[in-house]
Amino acid sequence: MHNTVPTSRFVPSERLYYRSFPGESALYDPVSGLPYLLKGTAHEIWLGITGHLTVAQIVAGLQQRHRVEPERCEADVRTLLGKLLQKDLIETDQESQPGTPEVVEYFEEKANPYIDKNS
């Protein structure tokens, strides 16, 4: 799997169309022509990605919300990140500046009414 470190940040691929709704995120890759639907924890991880959180912040938010063991939580996050990277749906964020956004906010069940494709 792609080597992710806790301070790594990922962003959606520039080619990707996506929209988040309460409890799920819909993704469409126009290159492959494939749609993806992320639900549950995968959706929460996606919110962390689009919220510019680091891997460590995503893991911490999930641990707090779901009360899971740190090792299992980190392994699950890395597994999904690996799958998203393999399908070229995300990429490493080379431009992001370190910050401290409120982690829990990204894991709340709420709609994110945007499509991010510079539209």
PDB file of N, CA and C in Angstrom:
ATOM      1  N   MET A   1       0.823  -1.178   0.000  1.00  0.00           N
ATOM      2  CA  MET A   1       0.000   0.000   0.000  1.00  0.00           C
ATOM      3  C   MET A   1       0.865   1.239   0.000  1.00  0.00           C
ATOM      4  N   HIS A   2       0.326   2.321  -0.500  1.00  0.00           N
ATOM      5  CA  HIS A   2       1.002   3.603  -0.502  1.00  0.00           C
ATOM      6  C   HIS A   2       1.414   3.935   0.924  1.00  0.00           C
ATOM      7  N   ASN A   3       2.613   4.432   1.083  1.00  0.00           N
ATOM      8  CA  ASN A   3       3.112   4.739   2.424  1.00  0.00           C
ATOM      9  C   ASN A   3       2.506   6.049   2.924  1.00  0.00           C
ATOM     10  N   THR A   4       1.576   5.946   3.858  1.00  0.00           N
ATOM     11  CA  THR A   4       0.976   7.144   4.440  1.00  0.00           C
ATOM     12  C   THR A   4       1.535   7.346   5.829  1.00  0.00           C
ATOM     13  N   VAL A   5       1.862   8.572   6.127  1.00  0.00           N
ATOM     14  CA  VAL A   5       2.327   8.911   7.464  1.00  0.00           C
ATOM     15  C   VAL A   5       1.228   9.714   8.141  1.00  0.00           C
ATOM     16  N   PRO A   6       1.226   9.770   9.468  1.00  0.00           N
ATOM     17  CA  PRO A   6       0.140  10.456  10.173  1.00  0.00           C
ATOM     18  C   PRO A   6      -0.080  11.902   9.739  1.00  0.00           C
ATOM     19  N   THR A   7       0.987  12.577   9.272  1.00  0.00           N
ATOM     20  CA  THR A   7       0.829  13.977   8.871  1.00  0.00           C
ATOM     21  C   THR A   7       0.440  14.119   7.403  1.00  0.00           C
ATOM     22  N   SER A   8       0.294  13.015   6.687  1.00  0.00           N
ATOM     23  CA  SER A   8      -0.112  13.078   5.280  1.00  0.00           C
ATOM     24  C   SER A   8      -1.525  13.613   5.164  1.00  0.00           C
ATOM     25  N   ARG A   9      -1.743  14.347   4.100  1.00  0.00           N
ATOM     26  CA  ARG A   9      -3.084  14.810   3.738  1.00  0.00           C
ATOM     27  C   ARG A   9      -3.334  14.362   2.304  1.00  0.00           C
ATOM     28  N   PHE A  10      -4.595  14.067   2.030  1.00  0.00           N
ATOM     29  CA  PHE A  10      -4.969  13.666   0.688  1.00  0.00           C
ATOM     30  C   PHE A  10      -6.088  14.563   0.197  1.00  0.00           C
ATOM     31  N   VAL A  11      -6.183  14.685  -1.105  1.00  0.00           N
ATOM     32  CA  VAL A  11      -7.242  15.477  -1.734  1.00  0.00           C
ATOM     33  C   VAL A  11      -7.874  14.635  -2.833  1.00  0.00           C
ATOM     34  N   PRO A  12      -9.121  14.946  -3.177  1.00  0.00           N
ATOM     35  CA  PRO A  12      -9.732  14.238  -4.300  1.00  0.00           C
ATOM     36  C   PRO A  12      -8.950  14.520  -5.589  1.00  0.00           C
ATOM     37  N   SER A  13      -8.909  13.545  -6.446  1.00  0.00           N
ATOM     38  CA  SER A  13      -8.279  13.722  -7.751  1.00  0.00           C
ATOM     39  C   SER A  13      -8.980  14.854  -8.492  1.00  0.00           C
ATOM     40  N   GLU A  14      -8.227  15.630  -9.262  1.00  0.00           N
ATOM     41  CA  GLU A  14      -8.807  16.759  -9.989  1.00  0.00           C
ATOM     42  C   GLU A  14      -9.892  16.322 -10.961  1.00  0.00           C
ATOM     43  N   ARG A  15      -9.793  15.110 -11.462  1.00  0.00           N
ATOM     44  CA  ARG A  15     -10.764  14.646 -12.465  1.00  0.00           C
ATOM     45  C   ARG A  15     -12.080  14.188 -11.835  1.00  0.00           C
ATOM     46  N   LEU A  16     -12.088  14.004 -10.526  1.00  0.00           N
ATOM     47  CA  LEU A  16     -13.212  13.398  -9.833  1.00  0.00           C
ATOM     48  C   LEU A  16     -14.343  14.386  -9.568  1.00  0.00           C
ATOM     49  N   TYR A  17     -15.571  13.940  -9.784  1.00  0.00           N
ATOM     50  CA  TYR A  17     -16.764  14.683  -9.383  1.00  0.00           C
ATOM     51  C   TYR A  17     -17.286  14.004  -8.117  1.00  0.00           C
ATOM     52  N   TYR A  18     -17.686  14.790  -7.143  1.00  0.00           N
ATOM     53  CA  TYR A  18     -18.215  14.181  -5.935  1.00  0.00           C
ATOM     54  C   TYR A  18     -19.189  15.114  -5.234  1.00  0.00           C
ATOM     55  N   ARG A  19     -20.023  14.506  -4.429  1.00  0.00           N
ATOM     56  CA  ARG A  19     -20.970  15.253  -3.611  1.00  0.00           C
ATOM     57  C   ARG A  19     -21.252  14.437  -2.361  1.00  0.00           C
ATOM     58  N   SER A  20     -21.325  15.107  -1.229  1.00  0.00           N
ATOM     59  CA  SER A  20     -21.614  14.438   0.035  1.00  0.00           C
ATOM     60  C   SER A  20     -23.018  14.785   0.493  1.00  0.00           C
ATOM     61  N   PHE A  21     -23.684  13.796   1.038  1.00  0.00           N
ATOM     62  CA  PHE A  21     -25.033  13.908   1.569  1.00  0.00           C
ATOM     63  C   PHE A  21     -24.995  13.392   3.001  1.00  0.00           C
ATOM     64  N   PRO A  22     -26.066  13.540   3.756  1.00  0.00           N
ATOM     65  CA  PRO A  22     -26.067  12.968   5.104  1.00  0.00           C
ATOM     66  C   PRO A  22     -25.856  11.449   5.034  1.00  0.00           C
ATOM     67  N   GLY A  23     -24.764  10.983   5.601  1.00  0.00           N
ATOM     68  CA  GLY A  23     -24.507   9.554   5.691  1.00  0.00           C
ATOM     69  C   GLY A  23     -23.854   8.892   4.502  1.00  0.00           C
ATOM     70  N   GLU A  24     -23.627   9.628   3.397  1.00  0.00           N
ATOM     71  CA  GLU A  24     -22.985   9.013   2.242  1.00  0.00           C
ATOM     72  C   GLU A  24     -22.380  10.059   1.316  1.00  0.00           C
ATOM     73  N   SER A  25     -21.411   9.609   0.548  1.00  0.00           N
ATOM     74  CA  SER A  25     -20.777  10.462  -0.454  1.00  0.00           C
ATOM     75  C   SER A  25     -20.805   9.725  -1.782  1.00  0.00           C
ATOM     76  N   ALA A  26     -21.193  10.444  -2.826  1.00  0.00           N
ATOM     77  CA  ALA A  26     -21.240   9.887  -4.171  1.00  0.00           C
ATOM     78  C   ALA A  26     -20.050  10.434  -4.958  1.00  0.00           C
ATOM     79  N   LEU A  27     -19.321   9.539  -5.614  1.00  0.00           N
ATOM     80  CA  LEU A  27     -18.160   9.913  -6.401  1.00  0.00           C
ATOM     81  C   LEU A  27     -18.361   9.403  -7.822  1.00  0.00           C
ATOM     82  N   TYR A  28     -17.868  10.157  -8.795  1.00  0.00           N
ATOM     83  CA  TYR A  28     -17.916   9.707 -10.183  1.00  0.00           C
ATOM     84  C   TYR A  28     -16.575   9.995 -10.830  1.00  0.00           C
ATOM     85  N   ASP A  29     -15.985   8.963 -11.398  1.00  0.00           N
ATOM     86  CA  ASP A  29     -14.715   9.070 -12.090  1.00  0.00           C
ATOM     87  C   ASP A  29     -14.995   9.062 -13.593  1.00  0.00           C
ATOM     88  N   PRO A  30     -14.902  10.215 -14.273  1.00  0.00           N
ATOM     89  CA  PRO A  30     -15.210  10.259 -15.695  1.00  0.00           C
ATOM     90  C   PRO A  30     -14.204   9.509 -16.569  1.00  0.00           C
ATOM     91  N   VAL A  31     -12.996   9.280 -16.059  1.00  0.00           N
ATOM     92  CA  VAL A  31     -11.996   8.543 -16.833  1.00  0.00           C
ATOM     93  C   VAL A  31     -12.377   7.069 -16.938  1.00  0.00           C
ATOM     94  N   SER A  32     -12.738   6.457 -15.817  1.00  0.00           N
ATOM     95  CA  SER A  32     -13.125   5.041 -15.835  1.00  0.00           C
ATOM     96  C   SER A  32     -14.611   4.874 -16.128  1.00  0.00           C
ATOM     97  N   GLY A  33     -15.377   5.947 -15.916  1.00  0.00           N
ATOM     98  CA  GLY A  33     -16.820   5.874 -16.094  1.00  0.00           C
ATOM     99  C   GLY A  33     -17.532   5.200 -14.940  1.00  0.00           C
ATOM    100  N   LEU A  34     -16.823   5.016 -13.828  1.00  0.00           N
ATOM    101  CA  LEU A  34     -17.385   4.297 -12.687  1.00  0.00           C
ATOM    102  C   LEU A  34     -17.879   5.230 -11.591  1.00  0.00           C
ATOM    103  N   PRO A  35     -19.061   4.946 -11.045  1.00  0.00           N
ATOM    104  CA  PRO A  35     -19.542   5.663  -9.870  1.00  0.00           C
ATOM    105  C   PRO A  35     -19.147   4.899  -8.607  1.00  0.00           C
ATOM    106  N   TYR A  36     -19.042   5.617  -7.507  1.00  0.00           N
ATOM    107  CA  TYR A  36     -18.731   5.008  -6.220  1.00  0.00           C
ATOM    108  C   TYR A  36     -19.661   5.630  -5.183  1.00  0.00           C
ATOM    109  N   LEU A  37     -20.099   4.823  -4.225  1.00  0.00           N
ATOM    110  CA  LEU A  37     -20.919   5.319  -3.123  1.00  0.00           C
ATOM    111  C   LEU A  37     -20.238   4.915  -1.822  1.00  0.00           C
ATOM    112  N   LEU A  38     -19.852   5.903  -1.047  1.00  0.00           N
ATOM    113  CA  LEU A  38     -19.195   5.664   0.236  1.00  0.00           C
ATOM    114  C   LEU A  38     -20.205   5.894   1.347  1.00  0.00           C
ATOM    115  N   LYS A  39     -20.372   4.889   2.182  1.00  0.00           N
ATOM    116  CA  LYS A  39     -21.312   4.979   3.304  1.00  0.00           C
ATOM    117  C   LYS A  39     -20.588   4.684   4.605  1.00  0.00           C
ATOM    118  N   GLY A  40     -21.223   5.032   5.701  1.00  0.00           N
ATOM    119  CA  GLY A  40     -20.684   4.709   7.017  1.00  0.00           C
ATOM    120  C   GLY A  40     -19.314   5.307   7.253  1.00  0.00           C
ATOM    121  N   THR A  41     -18.413   4.480   7.720  1.00  0.00           N
ATOM    122  CA  THR A  41     -17.064   4.945   8.046  1.00  0.00           C
ATOM    123  C   THR A  41     -16.325   5.443   6.814  1.00  0.00           C
ATOM    124  N   ALA A  42     -16.537   4.808   5.670  1.00  0.00           N
ATOM    125  CA  ALA A  42     -15.891   5.271   4.438  1.00  0.00           C
ATOM    126  C   ALA A  42     -16.321   6.704   4.116  1.00  0.00           C
ATOM    127  N   HIS A  43     -17.581   6.997   4.336  1.00  0.00           N
ATOM    128  CA  HIS A  43     -18.091   8.361   4.133  1.00  0.00           C
ATOM    129  C   HIS A  43     -17.412   9.329   5.108  1.00  0.00           C
ATOM    130  N   GLU A  44     -17.259   8.919   6.350  1.00  0.00           N
ATOM    131  CA  GLU A  44     -16.618   9.774   7.345  1.00  0.00           C
ATOM    132  C   GLU A  44     -15.165  10.047   6.977  1.00  0.00           C
ATOM    133  N   ILE A  45     -14.485   9.029   6.480  1.00  0.00           N
ATOM    134  CA  ILE A  45     -13.097   9.223   6.042  1.00  0.00           C
ATOM    135  C   ILE A  45     -13.064  10.195   4.867  1.00  0.00           C
ATOM    136  N   TRP A  46     -14.004  10.050   3.940  1.00  0.00           N
ATOM    137  CA  TRP A  46     -14.083  10.961   2.793  1.00  0.00           C
ATOM    138  C   TRP A  46     -14.286  12.406   3.267  1.00  0.00           C
ATOM    139  N   LEU A  47     -15.140  12.611   4.266  1.00  0.00           N
ATOM    140  CA  LEU A  47     -15.335  13.957   4.806  1.00  0.00           C
ATOM    141  C   LEU A  47     -14.029  14.503   5.377  1.00  0.00           C
ATOM    142  N   GLY A  48     -13.243  13.635   5.995  1.00  0.00           N
ATOM    143  CA  GLY A  48     -11.939  14.055   6.503  1.00  0.00           C
ATOM    144  C   GLY A  48     -10.997  14.448   5.375  1.00  0.00           C
ATOM    145  N   ILE A  49     -11.022  13.681   4.289  1.00  0.00           N
ATOM    146  CA  ILE A  49     -10.182  13.993   3.130  1.00  0.00           C
ATOM    147  C   ILE A  49     -10.584  15.343   2.548  1.00  0.00           C
ATOM    148  N   THR A  50     -11.879  15.534   2.302  1.00  0.00           N
ATOM    149  CA  THR A  50     -12.326  16.787   1.700  1.00  0.00           C
ATOM    150  C   THR A  50     -12.251  17.949   2.685  1.00  0.00           C
ATOM    151  N   GLY A  51     -12.147  17.648   3.974  1.00  0.00           N
ATOM    152  CA  GLY A  51     -11.984  18.674   5.001  1.00  0.00           C
ATOM    153  C   GLY A  51     -10.535  19.008   5.270  1.00  0.00           C
ATOM    154  N   HIS A  52      -9.617  18.456   4.472  1.00  0.00           N
ATOM    155  CA  HIS A  52      -8.177  18.724   4.569  1.00  0.00           C
ATOM    156  C   HIS A  52      -7.573  18.282   5.891  1.00  0.00           C
ATOM    157  N   LEU A  53      -8.104  17.193   6.448  1.00  0.00           N
ATOM    158  CA  LEU A  53      -7.539  16.653   7.681  1.00  0.00           C
ATOM    159  C   LEU A  53      -6.359  15.748   7.364  1.00  0.00           C
ATOM    160  N   THR A  54      -5.441  15.650   8.300  1.00  0.00           N
ATOM    161  CA  THR A  54      -4.341  14.705   8.149  1.00  0.00           C
ATOM    162  C   THR A  54      -4.869  13.303   8.457  1.00  0.00           C
ATOM    163  N   VAL A  55      -4.078  12.305   8.098  1.00  0.00           N
ATOM    164  CA  VAL A  55      -4.443  10.920   8.413  1.00  0.00           C
ATOM    165  C   VAL A  55      -4.631  10.779   9.929  1.00  0.00           C
ATOM    166  N   ALA A  56      -3.738  11.353  10.696  1.00  0.00           N
ATOM    167  CA  ALA A  56      -3.839  11.273  12.164  1.00  0.00           C
ATOM    168  C   ALA A  56      -5.125  11.916  12.667  1.00  0.00           C
ATOM    169  N   GLN A  57      -5.534  13.030  12.088  1.00  0.00           N
ATOM    170  CA  GLN A  57      -6.757  13.701  12.516  1.00  0.00           C
ATOM    171  C   GLN A  57      -7.991  12.867  12.154  1.00  0.00           C
ATOM    172  N   ILE A  58      -7.961  12.253  10.988  1.00  0.00           N
ATOM    173  CA  ILE A  58      -9.075  11.388  10.588  1.00  0.00           C
ATOM    174  C   ILE A  58      -9.190  10.219  11.559  1.00  0.00           C
ATOM    175  N   VAL A  59      -8.065   9.580  11.837  1.00  0.00           N
ATOM    176  CA  VAL A  59      -8.049   8.437  12.767  1.00  0.00           C
ATOM    177  C   VAL A  59      -8.554   8.872  14.143  1.00  0.00           C
ATOM    178  N   ALA A  60      -8.068  10.006  14.646  1.00  0.00           N
ATOM    179  CA  ALA A  60      -8.484  10.485  15.968  1.00  0.00           C
ATOM    180  C   ALA A  60      -9.987  10.754  16.009  1.00  0.00           C
ATOM    181  N   GLY A  61     -10.525  11.349  14.961  1.00  0.00           N
ATOM    182  CA  GLY A  61     -11.951  11.627  14.918  1.00  0.00           C
ATOM    183  C   GLY A  61     -12.786  10.367  14.920  1.00  0.00           C
ATOM    184  N   LEU A  62     -12.348   9.373  14.148  1.00  0.00           N
ATOM    185  CA  LEU A  62     -13.076   8.101  14.103  1.00  0.00           C
ATOM    186  C   LEU A  62     -12.984   7.361  15.428  1.00  0.00           C
ATOM    187  N   GLN A  63     -11.806   7.382  16.044  1.00  0.00           N
ATOM    188  CA  GLN A  63     -11.640   6.723  17.341  1.00  0.00           C
ATOM    189  C   GLN A  63     -12.571   7.346  18.364  1.00  0.00           C
ATOM    190  N   GLN A  64     -12.653   8.649  18.375  1.00  0.00           N
ATOM    191  CA  GLN A  64     -13.498   9.344  19.345  1.00  0.00           C
ATOM    192  C   GLN A  64     -14.972   9.044  19.082  1.00  0.00           C
ATOM    193  N   ARG A  65     -15.353   9.038  17.834  1.00  0.00           N
ATOM    194  CA  ARG A  65     -16.768   8.849  17.482  1.00  0.00           C
ATOM    195  C   ARG A  65     -17.216   7.405  17.678  1.00  0.00           C
ATOM    196  N   HIS A  66     -16.363   6.446  17.338  1.00  0.00           N
ATOM    197  CA  HIS A  66     -16.778   5.039  17.337  1.00  0.00           C
ATOM    198  C   HIS A  66     -16.179   4.198  18.458  1.00  0.00           C
ATOM    199  N   ARG A  67     -15.277   4.780  19.236  1.00  0.00           N
ATOM    200  CA  ARG A  67     -14.671   4.062  20.363  1.00  0.00           C
ATOM    201  C   ARG A  67     -14.026   2.740  19.931  1.00  0.00           C
ATOM    202  N   VAL A  68     -13.174   2.820  18.911  1.00  0.00           N
ATOM    203  CA  VAL A  68     -12.470   1.628  18.438  1.00  0.00           C
ATOM    204  C   VAL A  68     -11.008   1.700  18.848  1.00  0.00           C
ATOM    205  N   GLU A  69     -10.349   0.568  18.819  1.00  0.00           N
ATOM    206  CA  GLU A  69      -8.942   0.514  19.191  1.00  0.00           C
ATOM    207  C   GLU A  69      -8.108   1.264  18.157  1.00  0.00           C
ATOM    208  N   PRO A  70      -7.100   2.005  18.612  1.00  0.00           N
ATOM    209  CA  PRO A  70      -6.297   2.827  17.701  1.00  0.00           C
ATOM    210  C   PRO A  70      -5.675   2.045  16.537  1.00  0.00           C
ATOM    211  N   GLU A  71      -5.143   0.874  16.812  1.00  0.00           N
ATOM    212  CA  GLU A  71      -4.484   0.096  15.763  1.00  0.00           C
ATOM    213  C   GLU A  71      -5.473  -0.330  14.685  1.00  0.00           C
ATOM    214  N   ARG A  72      -6.635  -0.776  15.112  1.00  0.00           N
ATOM    215  CA  ARG A  72      -7.651  -1.210  14.142  1.00  0.00           C
ATOM    216  C   ARG A  72      -8.158  -0.032  13.331  1.00  0.00           C
ATOM    217  N   CYS A  73      -8.400   1.080  14.008  1.00  0.00           N
ATOM    218  CA  CYS A  73      -8.902   2.269  13.331  1.00  0.00           C
ATOM    219  C   CYS A  73      -7.891   2.749  12.283  1.00  0.00           C
ATOM    220  N   GLU A  74      -6.633   2.846  12.669  1.00  0.00           N
ATOM    221  CA  GLU A  74      -5.609   3.302  11.737  1.00  0.00           C
ATOM    222  C   GLU A  74      -5.472   2.338  10.559  1.00  0.00           C
ATOM    223  N   ALA A  75      -5.532   1.048  10.823  1.00  0.00           N
ATOM    224  CA  ALA A  75      -5.438   0.054   9.747  1.00  0.00           C
ATOM    225  C   ALA A  75      -6.604   0.189   8.770  1.00  0.00           C
ATOM    226  N   ASP A  76      -7.806   0.406   9.291  1.00  0.00           N
ATOM    227  CA  ASP A  76      -8.981   0.558   8.430  1.00  0.00           C
ATOM    228  C   ASP A  76      -8.888   1.825   7.582  1.00  0.00           C
ATOM    229  N   VAL A  77      -8.429   2.909   8.181  1.00  0.00           N
ATOM    230  CA  VAL A  77      -8.268   4.160   7.434  1.00  0.00           C
ATOM    231  C   VAL A  77      -7.229   3.966   6.333  1.00  0.00           C
ATOM    232  N   ARG A  78      -6.106   3.365   6.672  1.00  0.00           N
ATOM    233  CA  ARG A  78      -5.054   3.146   5.674  1.00  0.00           C
ATOM    234  C   ARG A  78      -5.521   2.219   4.553  1.00  0.00           C
ATOM    235  N   THR A  79      -6.351   1.238   4.885  1.00  0.00           N
ATOM    236  CA  THR A  79      -6.881   0.333   3.860  1.00  0.00           C
ATOM    237  C   THR A  79      -7.733   1.094   2.857  1.00  0.00           C
ATOM    238  N   LEU A  80      -8.645   1.929   3.365  1.00  0.00           N
ATOM    239  CA  LEU A  80      -9.488   2.703   2.443  1.00  0.00           C
ATOM    240  C   LEU A  80      -8.647   3.687   1.643  1.00  0.00           C
ATOM    241  N   LEU A  81      -7.722   4.377   2.288  1.00  0.00           N
ATOM    242  CA  LEU A  81      -6.861   5.308   1.564  1.00  0.00           C
ATOM    243  C   LEU A  81      -6.109   4.586   0.448  1.00  0.00           C
ATOM    244  N   GLY A  82      -5.630   3.384   0.750  1.00  0.00           N
ATOM    245  CA  GLY A  82      -4.920   2.595  -0.265  1.00  0.00           C
ATOM    246  C   GLY A  82      -5.808   2.272  -1.456  1.00  0.00           C
ATOM    247  N   LYS A  83      -7.058   1.909  -1.191  1.00  0.00           N
ATOM    248  CA  LYS A  83      -7.991   1.599  -2.277  1.00  0.00           C
ATOM    249  C   LYS A  83      -8.299   2.844  -3.109  1.00  0.00           C
ATOM    250  N   LEU A  84      -8.511   3.966  -2.436  1.00  0.00           N
ATOM    251  CA  LEU A  84      -8.792   5.216  -3.155  1.00  0.00           C
ATOM    252  C   LEU A  84      -7.592   5.654  -3.989  1.00  0.00           C
ATOM    253  N   LEU A  85      -6.387   5.490  -3.435  1.00  0.00           N
ATOM    254  CA  LEU A  85      -5.176   5.826  -4.179  1.00  0.00           C
ATOM    255  C   LEU A  85      -4.993   4.902  -5.381  1.00  0.00           C
ATOM    256  N   GLN A  86      -5.241   3.619  -5.190  1.00  0.00           N
ATOM    257  CA  GLN A  86      -5.084   2.636  -6.259  1.00  0.00           C
ATOM    258  C   GLN A  86      -5.999   2.948  -7.443  1.00  0.00           C
ATOM    259  N   LYS A  87      -7.189   3.464  -7.154  1.00  0.00           N
ATOM    260  CA  LYS A  87      -8.156   3.794  -8.204  1.00  0.00           C
ATOM    261  C   LYS A  87      -7.983   5.233  -8.704  1.00  0.00           C
ATOM    262  N   ASP A  88      -6.946   5.916  -8.204  1.00  0.00           N
ATOM    263  CA  ASP A  88      -6.665   7.311  -8.566  1.00  0.00           C
ATOM    264  C   ASP A  88      -7.825   8.257  -8.245  1.00  0.00           C
ATOM    265  N   LEU A  89      -8.530   7.971  -7.152  1.00  0.00           N
ATOM    266  CA  LEU A  89      -9.628   8.838  -6.727  1.00  0.00           C
ATOM    267  C   LEU A  89      -9.144   9.933  -5.784  1.00  0.00           C
ATOM    268  N   ILE A  90      -7.982   9.710  -5.158  1.00  0.00           N
ATOM    269  CA  ILE A  90      -7.345  10.713  -4.310  1.00  0.00           C
ATOM    270  C   ILE A  90      -5.872  10.781  -4.660  1.00  0.00           C
ATOM    271  N   GLU A  91      -5.232  11.839  -4.216  1.00  0.00           N
ATOM    272  CA  GLU A  91      -3.790  11.993  -4.393  1.00  0.00           C
ATOM    273  C   GLU A  91      -3.231  12.710  -3.176  1.00  0.00           C
ATOM    274  N   THR A  92      -1.934  12.628  -3.001  1.00  0.00           N
ATOM    275  CA  THR A  92      -1.286  13.305  -1.888  1.00  0.00           C
ATOM    276  C   THR A  92      -1.413  14.809  -2.071  1.00  0.00           C
ATOM    277  N   ASP A  93      -1.759  15.504  -1.012  1.00  0.00           N
ATOM    278  CA  ASP A  93      -1.905  16.958  -1.055  1.00  0.00           C
ATOM    279  C   ASP A  93      -0.524  17.576  -0.881  1.00  0.00           C
ATOM    280  N   GLN A  94       0.013  18.098  -1.951  1.00  0.00           N
ATOM    281  CA  GLN A  94       1.354  18.692  -1.920  1.00  0.00           C
ATOM    282  C   GLN A  94       1.337  20.151  -1.486  1.00  0.00           C
ATOM    283  N   GLU A  95       0.172  20.798  -1.535  1.00  0.00           N
ATOM    284  CA  GLU A  95       0.096  22.230  -1.280  1.00  0.00           C
ATOM    285  C   GLU A  95      -0.471  22.597   0.075  1.00  0.00           C
ATOM    286  N   SER A  96      -1.007  21.648   0.787  1.00  0.00           N
ATOM    287  CA  SER A  96      -1.697  21.943   2.038  1.00  0.00           C
ATOM    288  C   SER A  96      -0.736  22.441   3.100  1.00  0.00           C
ATOM    289  N   GLN A  97      -1.165  23.461   3.789  1.00  0.00           N
ATOM    290  CA  GLN A  97      -0.404  23.986   4.916  1.00  0.00           C
ATOM    291  C   GLN A  97      -0.916  23.336   6.194  1.00  0.00           C
ATOM    292  N   PRO A  98      -0.029  23.020   7.130  1.00  0.00           N
ATOM    293  CA  PRO A  98      -0.487  22.435   8.389  1.00  0.00           C
ATOM    294  C   PRO A  98      -1.488  23.355   9.073  1.00  0.00           C
ATOM    295  N   GLY A  99      -2.506  22.757   9.619  1.00  0.00           N
ATOM    296  CA  GLY A  99      -3.513  23.526  10.322  1.00  0.00           C
ATOM    297  C   GLY A  99      -4.138  22.679  11.408  1.00  0.00           C
ATOM    298  N   THR A 100      -5.041  23.240  12.136  1.00  0.00           N
ATOM    299  CA  THR A 100      -5.699  22.494  13.191  1.00  0.00           C
ATOM    300  C   THR A 100      -7.202  22.677  13.104  1.00  0.00           C
ATOM    301  N   PRO A 101      -7.822  22.168  12.009  1.00  0.00           N
ATOM    302  CA  PRO A 101      -9.276  22.285  11.931  1.00  0.00           C
ATOM    303  C   PRO A 101      -9.938  21.436  13.010  1.00  0.00           C
ATOM    304  N   GLU A 102     -11.143  21.775  13.346  1.00  0.00           N
ATOM    305  CA  GLU A 102     -11.895  21.025  14.354  1.00  0.00           C
ATOM    306  C   GLU A 102     -12.233  19.657  13.790  1.00  0.00           C
ATOM    307  N   VAL A 103     -11.641  18.619  14.340  1.00  0.00           N
ATOM    308  CA  VAL A 103     -11.761  17.275  13.800  1.00  0.00           C
ATOM    309  C   VAL A 103     -13.177  16.730  13.866  1.00  0.00           C
ATOM    310  N   VAL A 104     -13.821  16.818  14.993  1.00  0.00           N
ATOM    311  CA  VAL A 104     -15.123  16.195  15.182  1.00  0.00           C
ATOM    312  C   VAL A 104     -16.156  16.763  14.210  1.00  0.00           C
ATOM    313  N   GLU A 105     -16.019  18.009  13.857  1.00  0.00           N
ATOM    314  CA  GLU A 105     -16.960  18.665  12.953  1.00  0.00           C
ATOM    315  C   GLU A 105     -17.108  17.909  11.637  1.00  0.00           C
ATOM    316  N   TYR A 106     -16.050  17.314  11.142  1.00  0.00           N
ATOM    317  CA  TYR A 106     -16.088  16.620   9.868  1.00  0.00           C
ATOM    318  C   TYR A 106     -16.757  15.259   9.946  1.00  0.00           C
ATOM    319  N   PHE A 107     -17.025  14.799  11.120  1.00  0.00           N
ATOM    320  CA  PHE A 107     -17.601  13.482  11.280  1.00  0.00           C
ATOM    321  C   PHE A 107     -19.058  13.536  11.719  1.00  0.00           C
ATOM    322  N   GLU A 108     -19.629  14.710  11.752  1.00  0.00           N
ATOM    323  CA  GLU A 108     -21.032  14.841  12.102  1.00  0.00           C
ATOM    324  C   GLU A 108     -21.883  14.437  10.911  1.00  0.00           C
ATOM    325  N   GLU A 109     -23.058  13.930  11.186  1.00  0.00           N
ATOM    326  CA  GLU A 109     -23.985  13.560  10.130  1.00  0.00           C
ATOM    327  C   GLU A 109     -24.676  14.821   9.633  1.00  0.00           C
ATOM    328  N   LYS A 110     -24.142  15.379   8.553  1.00  0.00           N
ATOM    329  CA  LYS A 110     -24.728  16.582   7.985  1.00  0.00           C
ATOM    330  C   LYS A 110     -24.484  16.595   6.490  1.00  0.00           C
ATOM    331  N   ALA A 111     -25.275  17.325   5.779  1.00  0.00           N
ATOM    332  CA  ALA A 111     -25.112  17.436   4.335  1.00  0.00           C
ATOM    333  C   ALA A 111     -23.962  18.391   4.032  1.00  0.00           C
ATOM    334  N   ASN A 112     -23.246  18.097   2.980  1.00  0.00           N
ATOM    335  CA  ASN A 112     -22.216  18.985   2.464  1.00  0.00           C
ATOM    336  C   ASN A 112     -22.630  19.342   1.047  1.00  0.00           C
ATOM    337  N   PRO A 113     -23.397  20.413   0.887  1.00  0.00           N
ATOM    338  CA  PRO A 113     -24.013  20.709  -0.404  1.00  0.00           C
ATOM    339  C   PRO A 113     -23.050  21.345  -1.399  1.00  0.00           C
ATOM    340  N   TYR A 114     -22.051  20.580  -1.814  1.00  0.00           N
ATOM    341  CA  TYR A 114     -21.149  21.101  -2.823  1.00  0.00           C
ATOM    342  C   TYR A 114     -20.688  19.993  -3.750  1.00  0.00           C
ATOM    343  N   ILE A 115     -20.392  20.387  -4.918  1.00  0.00           N
ATOM    344  CA  ILE A 115     -19.724  19.508  -5.878  1.00  0.00           C
ATOM    345  C   ILE A 115     -18.396  20.190  -6.137  1.00  0.00           C
ATOM    346  N   ASP A 116     -17.318  19.505  -5.859  1.00  0.00           N
ATOM    347  CA  ASP A 116     -16.017  20.111  -5.993  1.00  0.00           C
ATOM    348  C   ASP A 116     -15.385  19.692  -7.312  1.00  0.00           C
ATOM    349  N   LYS A 117     -15.506  20.525  -8.275  1.00  0.00           N
ATOM    350  CA  LYS A 117     -14.853  20.313  -9.564  1.00  0.00           C
ATOM    351  C   LYS A 117     -14.629  21.689 -10.178  1.00  0.00           C
ATOM    352  N   ASN A 118     -14.388  22.656  -9.286  1.00  0.00           N
ATOM    353  CA  ASN A 118     -14.209  24.040  -9.721  1.00  0.00           C
ATOM    354  C   ASN A 118     -15.359  24.479 -10.604  1.00  0.00           C
ATOM    355  N   SER A 119     -16.567  24.080 -10.212  1.00  0.00           N
ATOM    356  CA  SER A 119     -17.737  24.399 -11.019  1.00  0.00           C
ATOM    357  C   SER A 119     -18.349  25.724 -10.651  1.00  0.00           C
TER     358      SER A 119
END
